[in-house]
Amino acid sequence: MPRVIEVVDARPAGTTAGGGLANKRAARERADPMILGSVAAPMAGEVVEVKIKPGTRVEAGAPLAVLSAMKMETAVAAPVAGVVRHVALEAGDSVDAGDLVALIDEALPDVTDDAGATDSLDVATVAAAATGAGSRRG
């Protein structure tokens, strides 16, 4: 018959057998690869600097954050132009590859009307272009 021995762990919660603190990583949001404005961390590492905040307008290729791994720094760039809606990290955070860095609402392209006025593309403009409205003269 096997013997069963129970051992009570009297260490404070959150410590390891050596007495040090347990390596706890925060559960992070993951980037969605199906959304162009969902920016993922390209590698695991530590966040050195965050260059954006919600509401910041960015161009495609603009640096969003700087990550460091094994003493090598990598800039995370915006894949699309738009406005930053959400920043998911801050300096000092540890991230894994694929963790969400930021969400960017894509900017709509500018259009020029017949009078030469430039305006942002809106739903009414798209609907008018799709139905041919506004281009009929008679």
N, C-alpha and C. Protein backbone atom coordinates (compact mmCIF):
# COMPACT_ATOMS: atom_id res chain seq x y z
N MET A 1 0.84 -1.16 0.00
CA MET A 1 0.00 0.00 0.00
C MET A 1 0.90 1.25 0.00
N PRO A 2 0.64 2.24 -0.97
CA PRO A 2 1.47 3.44 -1.02
C PRO A 2 1.19 4.37 0.16
N ARG A 3 2.22 5.09 0.57
CA ARG A 3 2.07 6.06 1.64
C ARG A 3 1.80 7.44 1.05
N VAL A 4 1.01 8.23 1.72
CA VAL A 4 0.71 9.59 1.31
C VAL A 4 1.23 10.53 2.38
N ILE A 5 2.06 11.50 1.95
CA ILE A 5 2.61 12.47 2.89
C ILE A 5 2.14 13.85 2.46
N GLU A 6 1.59 14.60 3.36
CA GLU A 6 1.16 15.96 3.07
C GLU A 6 2.15 16.94 3.66
N VAL A 7 2.52 17.96 2.86
CA VAL A 7 3.44 18.99 3.31
C VAL A 7 2.73 20.33 3.21
N VAL A 8 2.75 21.09 4.27
CA VAL A 8 2.12 22.41 4.29
C VAL A 8 3.17 23.44 3.91
N ASP A 9 2.86 24.25 2.90
CA ASP A 9 3.78 25.30 2.44
C ASP A 9 3.52 26.54 3.28
N ALA A 10 4.48 26.88 4.15
CA ALA A 10 4.31 27.99 5.07
C ALA A 10 4.88 29.30 4.52
N ARG A 11 5.34 29.30 3.26
CA ARG A 11 5.90 30.54 2.68
C ARG A 11 4.79 31.54 2.40
N PRO A 12 5.11 32.82 2.49
CA PRO A 12 4.10 33.84 2.13
C PRO A 12 3.72 33.71 0.66
N ALA A 13 2.50 34.03 0.33
CA ALA A 13 2.02 33.94 -1.05
C ALA A 13 2.84 34.86 -1.94
N GLY A 14 3.15 34.39 -3.15
CA GLY A 14 3.88 35.20 -4.11
C GLY A 14 5.39 35.05 -4.02
N THR A 15 5.89 34.12 -3.20
CA THR A 15 7.33 33.90 -3.11
C THR A 15 7.68 32.53 -3.68
N THR A 16 8.95 32.36 -4.03
CA THR A 16 9.41 31.09 -4.59
C THR A 16 10.15 30.31 -3.52
N ALA A 17 10.60 29.11 -3.87
CA ALA A 17 11.30 28.26 -2.92
C ALA A 17 12.57 28.92 -2.41
N GLY A 18 13.23 29.75 -3.23
CA GLY A 18 14.44 30.44 -2.82
C GLY A 18 14.16 31.68 -1.98
N GLY A 19 12.89 31.99 -1.76
CA GLY A 19 12.53 33.15 -0.96
C GLY A 19 12.28 34.40 -1.78
N GLY A 20 12.58 34.36 -3.08
CA GLY A 20 12.37 35.53 -3.93
C GLY A 20 10.92 35.64 -4.37
N LEU A 21 10.61 36.75 -5.00
CA LEU A 21 9.25 36.95 -5.49
C LEU A 21 9.02 36.11 -6.73
N ALA A 22 7.83 35.60 -6.85
CA ALA A 22 7.47 34.81 -8.03
C ALA A 22 7.40 35.73 -9.25
N ASN A 23 7.80 35.22 -10.39
CA ASN A 23 7.76 36.00 -11.63
C ASN A 23 6.33 36.01 -12.15
N LYS A 24 5.59 37.05 -11.84
CA LYS A 24 4.20 37.14 -12.27
C LYS A 24 4.12 38.15 -13.41
N ARG A 25 3.51 37.75 -14.50
CA ARG A 25 3.30 38.64 -15.63
C ARG A 25 1.81 38.92 -15.73
N ALA A 26 1.51 40.16 -15.98
CA ALA A 26 0.11 40.55 -16.11
C ALA A 26 -0.47 39.93 -17.37
N ALA A 27 -1.71 39.52 -17.29
CA ALA A 27 -2.40 39.03 -18.49
C ALA A 27 -2.64 40.25 -19.38
N ARG A 28 -2.25 40.14 -20.63
CA ARG A 28 -2.32 41.27 -21.55
C ARG A 28 -3.32 41.01 -22.67
N GLU A 29 -3.83 42.12 -23.21
CA GLU A 29 -4.70 42.04 -24.39
C GLU A 29 -3.84 41.56 -25.56
N ARG A 30 -4.45 40.80 -26.44
CA ARG A 30 -3.75 40.32 -27.64
C ARG A 30 -4.22 41.13 -28.84
N ALA A 31 -3.31 41.38 -29.76
CA ALA A 31 -3.65 42.09 -30.99
C ALA A 31 -4.47 41.17 -31.89
N ASP A 32 -5.38 41.74 -32.66
CA ASP A 32 -6.20 40.99 -33.60
C ASP A 32 -5.60 41.16 -35.00
N PRO A 33 -5.02 40.12 -35.57
CA PRO A 33 -4.39 40.24 -36.88
C PRO A 33 -5.35 40.57 -38.02
N MET A 34 -6.65 40.44 -37.78
CA MET A 34 -7.64 40.76 -38.81
C MET A 34 -7.97 42.25 -38.86
N ILE A 35 -7.50 43.01 -37.88
CA ILE A 35 -7.76 44.46 -37.83
C ILE A 35 -6.44 45.18 -38.08
N LEU A 36 -6.36 45.97 -39.17
CA LEU A 36 -5.12 46.65 -39.52
C LEU A 36 -4.63 47.59 -38.42
N GLY A 37 -5.53 48.23 -37.71
CA GLY A 37 -5.14 49.18 -36.68
C GLY A 37 -4.83 48.55 -35.33
N SER A 38 -4.89 47.23 -35.24
CA SER A 38 -4.55 46.52 -34.01
C SER A 38 -3.06 46.19 -34.07
N VAL A 39 -2.24 46.95 -33.34
CA VAL A 39 -0.78 46.84 -33.45
C VAL A 39 -0.26 45.86 -32.42
N ALA A 40 0.50 44.86 -32.89
CA ALA A 40 1.04 43.81 -32.02
C ALA A 40 2.52 44.05 -31.73
N ALA A 41 2.95 43.63 -30.55
CA ALA A 41 4.38 43.65 -30.23
C ALA A 41 5.06 42.62 -31.13
N PRO A 42 6.14 42.99 -31.82
CA PRO A 42 6.79 42.05 -32.73
C PRO A 42 7.63 40.99 -32.03
N MET A 43 7.94 41.22 -30.75
CA MET A 43 8.79 40.29 -30.00
C MET A 43 8.51 40.44 -28.52
N ALA A 44 8.98 39.49 -27.75
CA ALA A 44 8.88 39.60 -26.29
C ALA A 44 9.97 40.55 -25.82
N GLY A 45 9.66 41.30 -24.79
CA GLY A 45 10.66 42.22 -24.25
C GLY A 45 10.05 43.17 -23.24
N GLU A 46 10.81 44.20 -22.91
CA GLU A 46 10.36 45.21 -21.96
C GLU A 46 10.10 46.51 -22.70
N VAL A 47 9.04 47.20 -22.31
CA VAL A 47 8.69 48.48 -22.93
C VAL A 47 9.61 49.55 -22.36
N VAL A 48 10.42 50.16 -23.24
CA VAL A 48 11.35 51.20 -22.83
C VAL A 48 10.67 52.57 -22.85
N GLU A 49 9.88 52.81 -23.91
CA GLU A 49 9.25 54.12 -24.08
C GLU A 49 7.96 53.97 -24.87
N VAL A 50 6.94 54.73 -24.47
CA VAL A 50 5.69 54.80 -25.21
C VAL A 50 5.61 56.22 -25.76
N LYS A 51 5.49 56.35 -27.07
CA LYS A 51 5.55 57.66 -27.72
C LYS A 51 4.17 58.24 -28.05
N ILE A 52 3.11 57.54 -27.69
CA ILE A 52 1.75 57.96 -28.06
C ILE A 52 0.84 57.94 -26.84
N LYS A 53 -0.33 58.54 -27.00
CA LYS A 53 -1.39 58.46 -26.01
C LYS A 53 -2.71 58.48 -26.78
N PRO A 54 -3.80 58.08 -26.15
CA PRO A 54 -5.08 58.12 -26.86
C PRO A 54 -5.37 59.52 -27.41
N GLY A 55 -5.83 59.56 -28.65
CA GLY A 55 -6.13 60.83 -29.29
C GLY A 55 -5.01 61.33 -30.19
N THR A 56 -3.83 60.72 -30.10
CA THR A 56 -2.70 61.13 -30.94
C THR A 56 -2.96 60.73 -32.38
N ARG A 57 -2.75 61.67 -33.32
CA ARG A 57 -2.87 61.37 -34.75
C ARG A 57 -1.50 60.87 -35.22
N VAL A 58 -1.48 59.71 -35.88
CA VAL A 58 -0.23 59.13 -36.37
C VAL A 58 -0.30 58.86 -37.86
N GLU A 59 0.84 58.88 -38.50
CA GLU A 59 0.97 58.51 -39.91
C GLU A 59 1.48 57.08 -39.96
N ALA A 60 1.25 56.40 -41.07
CA ALA A 60 1.78 55.04 -41.24
C ALA A 60 3.30 55.10 -41.13
N GLY A 61 3.87 54.22 -40.34
CA GLY A 61 5.31 54.17 -40.15
C GLY A 61 5.81 54.97 -38.95
N ALA A 62 4.93 55.75 -38.32
CA ALA A 62 5.33 56.55 -37.16
C ALA A 62 5.62 55.63 -35.98
N PRO A 63 6.67 55.94 -35.19
CA PRO A 63 6.98 55.10 -34.03
C PRO A 63 5.93 55.24 -32.94
N LEU A 64 5.49 54.10 -32.41
CA LEU A 64 4.48 54.09 -31.34
C LEU A 64 5.12 53.81 -29.99
N ALA A 65 6.07 52.88 -29.97
CA ALA A 65 6.72 52.48 -28.73
C ALA A 65 8.08 51.89 -29.05
N VAL A 66 8.92 51.77 -28.01
CA VAL A 66 10.24 51.16 -28.15
C VAL A 66 10.30 49.99 -27.18
N LEU A 67 10.65 48.81 -27.71
CA LEU A 67 10.80 47.60 -26.90
C LEU A 67 12.28 47.24 -26.81
N SER A 68 12.67 46.60 -25.71
CA SER A 68 14.04 46.17 -25.54
C SER A 68 14.06 44.69 -25.16
N ALA A 69 14.93 43.94 -25.84
CA ALA A 69 15.13 42.53 -25.50
C ALA A 69 16.60 42.21 -25.72
N MET A 70 17.24 41.67 -24.71
CA MET A 70 18.65 41.30 -24.80
C MET A 70 19.51 42.49 -25.24
N LYS A 71 19.25 43.65 -24.67
CA LYS A 71 19.98 44.89 -24.91
C LYS A 71 19.86 45.42 -26.33
N MET A 72 18.84 44.94 -27.06
CA MET A 72 18.59 45.44 -28.41
C MET A 72 17.23 46.12 -28.40
N GLU A 73 17.17 47.35 -28.90
CA GLU A 73 15.91 48.09 -28.93
C GLU A 73 15.26 48.00 -30.30
N THR A 74 13.95 47.87 -30.30
CA THR A 74 13.16 47.79 -31.53
C THR A 74 12.00 48.76 -31.43
N ALA A 75 11.84 49.58 -32.47
CA ALA A 75 10.71 50.51 -32.51
C ALA A 75 9.51 49.79 -33.10
N VAL A 76 8.35 50.00 -32.51
CA VAL A 76 7.09 49.46 -33.03
C VAL A 76 6.44 50.60 -33.81
N ALA A 77 6.20 50.37 -35.11
CA ALA A 77 5.67 51.43 -35.97
C ALA A 77 4.19 51.22 -36.27
N ALA A 78 3.52 52.33 -36.57
CA ALA A 78 2.10 52.28 -36.92
C ALA A 78 1.95 51.68 -38.32
N PRO A 79 1.09 50.67 -38.47
CA PRO A 79 0.90 50.07 -39.79
C PRO A 79 -0.02 50.91 -40.69
N VAL A 80 -0.81 51.79 -40.08
CA VAL A 80 -1.77 52.61 -40.82
C VAL A 80 -1.78 54.02 -40.23
N ALA A 81 -2.25 54.97 -41.02
CA ALA A 81 -2.45 56.33 -40.52
C ALA A 81 -3.79 56.39 -39.81
N GLY A 82 -3.89 57.21 -38.79
CA GLY A 82 -5.16 57.34 -38.09
C GLY A 82 -4.99 57.99 -36.74
N VAL A 83 -5.97 57.75 -35.87
CA VAL A 83 -5.98 58.32 -34.52
C VAL A 83 -5.89 57.17 -33.52
N VAL A 84 -4.99 57.29 -32.56
CA VAL A 84 -4.83 56.26 -31.53
C VAL A 84 -6.06 56.27 -30.64
N ARG A 85 -6.72 55.12 -30.58
CA ARG A 85 -7.92 54.99 -29.75
C ARG A 85 -7.59 54.42 -28.37
N HIS A 86 -6.59 53.50 -28.30
CA HIS A 86 -6.28 52.82 -27.04
C HIS A 86 -4.80 52.47 -27.01
N VAL A 87 -4.15 52.71 -25.88
CA VAL A 87 -2.76 52.30 -25.68
C VAL A 87 -2.78 51.24 -24.59
N ALA A 88 -2.23 50.06 -24.89
CA ALA A 88 -2.37 48.92 -23.99
C ALA A 88 -1.16 48.66 -23.09
N LEU A 89 -0.16 49.53 -23.14
CA LEU A 89 1.03 49.29 -22.33
C LEU A 89 1.62 50.61 -21.86
N GLU A 90 2.59 50.49 -20.94
CA GLU A 90 3.29 51.67 -20.46
C GLU A 90 4.75 51.29 -20.22
N ALA A 91 5.61 52.28 -20.10
CA ALA A 91 7.03 52.03 -19.90
C ALA A 91 7.25 51.11 -18.69
N GLY A 92 8.13 50.13 -18.86
CA GLY A 92 8.44 49.19 -17.79
C GLY A 92 7.67 47.89 -17.86
N ASP A 93 6.63 47.83 -18.67
CA ASP A 93 5.84 46.60 -18.82
C ASP A 93 6.64 45.54 -19.56
N SER A 94 6.36 44.28 -19.27
CA SER A 94 6.90 43.16 -20.03
C SER A 94 5.81 42.69 -20.99
N VAL A 95 6.19 42.45 -22.24
CA VAL A 95 5.23 42.01 -23.25
C VAL A 95 5.74 40.76 -23.95
N ASP A 96 4.81 40.01 -24.50
CA ASP A 96 5.13 38.86 -25.35
C ASP A 96 4.83 39.22 -26.79
N ALA A 97 5.41 38.50 -27.71
CA ALA A 97 5.11 38.72 -29.13
C ALA A 97 3.61 38.52 -29.34
N GLY A 98 2.98 39.45 -30.04
CA GLY A 98 1.55 39.36 -30.30
C GLY A 98 0.68 40.12 -29.32
N ASP A 99 1.26 40.61 -28.22
CA ASP A 99 0.49 41.41 -27.27
C ASP A 99 0.11 42.73 -27.92
N LEU A 100 -1.04 43.25 -27.55
CA LEU A 100 -1.51 44.51 -28.11
C LEU A 100 -0.67 45.68 -27.61
N VAL A 101 -0.22 46.50 -28.56
CA VAL A 101 0.50 47.73 -28.23
C VAL A 101 -0.49 48.89 -28.24
N ALA A 102 -1.25 49.00 -29.34
CA ALA A 102 -2.22 50.10 -29.47
C ALA A 102 -3.28 49.74 -30.49
N LEU A 103 -4.42 50.43 -30.40
CA LEU A 103 -5.48 50.35 -31.41
C LEU A 103 -5.54 51.69 -32.12
N ILE A 104 -5.51 51.65 -33.44
CA ILE A 104 -5.55 52.87 -34.24
C ILE A 104 -6.79 52.83 -35.11
N ASP A 105 -7.60 53.89 -35.01
CA ASP A 105 -8.73 54.05 -35.93
C ASP A 105 -8.15 54.60 -37.22
N GLU A 106 -8.34 53.85 -38.30
CA GLU A 106 -7.77 54.25 -39.58
C GLU A 106 -8.35 55.57 -40.05
N ALA A 107 -7.48 56.42 -40.60
CA ALA A 107 -7.91 57.71 -41.15
C ALA A 107 -8.56 57.47 -42.51
N LEU A 108 -9.63 58.19 -42.77
CA LEU A 108 -10.27 58.11 -44.07
C LEU A 108 -9.53 59.04 -45.03
N PRO A 109 -9.39 58.67 -46.28
CA PRO A 109 -8.66 59.51 -47.23
C PRO A 109 -9.41 60.81 -47.50
N ASP A 110 -8.64 61.83 -47.86
CA ASP A 110 -9.25 63.11 -48.23
C ASP A 110 -9.71 63.04 -49.67
N VAL A 111 -10.79 63.75 -49.99
CA VAL A 111 -11.30 63.82 -51.36
C VAL A 111 -11.46 65.28 -51.74
N THR A 112 -11.37 65.54 -53.02
CA THR A 112 -11.53 66.90 -53.51
C THR A 112 -12.79 66.95 -54.36
N ASP A 113 -13.66 67.93 -54.10
CA ASP A 113 -14.89 68.05 -54.88
C ASP A 113 -14.63 68.88 -56.14
N ASP A 114 -15.68 69.10 -56.94
CA ASP A 114 -15.55 69.83 -58.19
C ASP A 114 -15.05 71.26 -58.00
N ALA A 115 -15.32 71.86 -56.85
CA ALA A 115 -14.91 73.23 -56.60
C ALA A 115 -13.48 73.30 -56.07
N GLY A 116 -12.84 72.14 -55.86
CA GLY A 116 -11.47 72.12 -55.39
C GLY A 116 -11.34 72.10 -53.88
N ALA A 117 -12.48 72.04 -53.16
CA ALA A 117 -12.43 72.00 -51.71
C ALA A 117 -12.07 70.59 -51.25
N THR A 118 -11.17 70.51 -50.29
CA THR A 118 -10.76 69.22 -49.75
C THR A 118 -11.48 68.99 -48.44
N ASP A 119 -12.03 67.79 -48.28
CA ASP A 119 -12.74 67.44 -47.06
C ASP A 119 -12.52 65.97 -46.79
N SER A 120 -12.70 65.57 -45.55
CA SER A 120 -12.58 64.16 -45.23
C SER A 120 -13.74 63.40 -45.83
N LEU A 121 -13.47 62.19 -46.25
CA LEU A 121 -14.49 61.33 -46.81
C LEU A 121 -15.49 60.98 -45.72
N ASP A 122 -16.77 61.11 -46.01
CA ASP A 122 -17.78 60.76 -45.02
C ASP A 122 -18.81 59.82 -45.64
N VAL A 123 -19.74 59.36 -44.85
CA VAL A 123 -20.73 58.39 -45.31
C VAL A 123 -21.56 58.95 -46.46
N ALA A 124 -21.96 60.22 -46.38
CA ALA A 124 -22.78 60.82 -47.43
C ALA A 124 -22.02 60.87 -48.75
N THR A 125 -20.72 61.17 -48.71
CA THR A 125 -19.91 61.21 -49.92
C THR A 125 -19.80 59.82 -50.54
N VAL A 126 -19.58 58.82 -49.71
CA VAL A 126 -19.47 57.44 -50.20
C VAL A 126 -20.79 57.01 -50.82
N ALA A 127 -21.91 57.31 -50.16
CA ALA A 127 -23.22 56.92 -50.67
C ALA A 127 -23.51 57.62 -51.99
N ALA A 128 -23.18 58.91 -52.08
CA ALA A 128 -23.41 59.66 -53.31
C ALA A 128 -22.57 59.11 -54.45
N ALA A 129 -21.33 58.76 -54.17
CA ALA A 129 -20.44 58.22 -55.20
C ALA A 129 -20.93 56.85 -55.66
N ALA A 130 -21.43 56.05 -54.72
CA ALA A 130 -21.88 54.69 -55.05
C ALA A 130 -23.14 54.71 -55.92
N THR A 131 -24.00 55.70 -55.69
CA THR A 131 -25.27 55.74 -56.45
C THR A 131 -25.18 56.66 -57.66
N GLY A 132 -24.09 57.39 -57.78
CA GLY A 132 -23.94 58.31 -58.90
C GLY A 132 -24.62 59.63 -58.64
N ALA A 133 -25.19 59.84 -57.48
CA ALA A 133 -25.88 61.08 -57.14
C ALA A 133 -24.86 62.22 -57.09
N GLY A 134 -25.25 63.36 -57.51
CA GLY A 134 -24.38 64.51 -57.46
C GLY A 134 -23.55 64.67 -58.73
N SER A 135 -23.45 63.59 -59.52
CA SER A 135 -22.67 63.69 -60.75
C SER A 135 -23.58 63.87 -61.96
N ARG A 136 -24.87 63.80 -61.75
CA ARG A 136 -25.83 63.97 -62.85
C ARG A 136 -26.10 65.44 -63.09
N ARG A 137 -26.01 65.84 -64.31
CA ARG A 137 -26.33 67.22 -64.64
C ARG A 137 -27.36 67.21 -65.72
N GLY A 138 -28.30 68.08 -65.66
CA GLY A 138 -29.30 68.00 -66.69
C GLY A 138 -30.14 69.14 -66.75
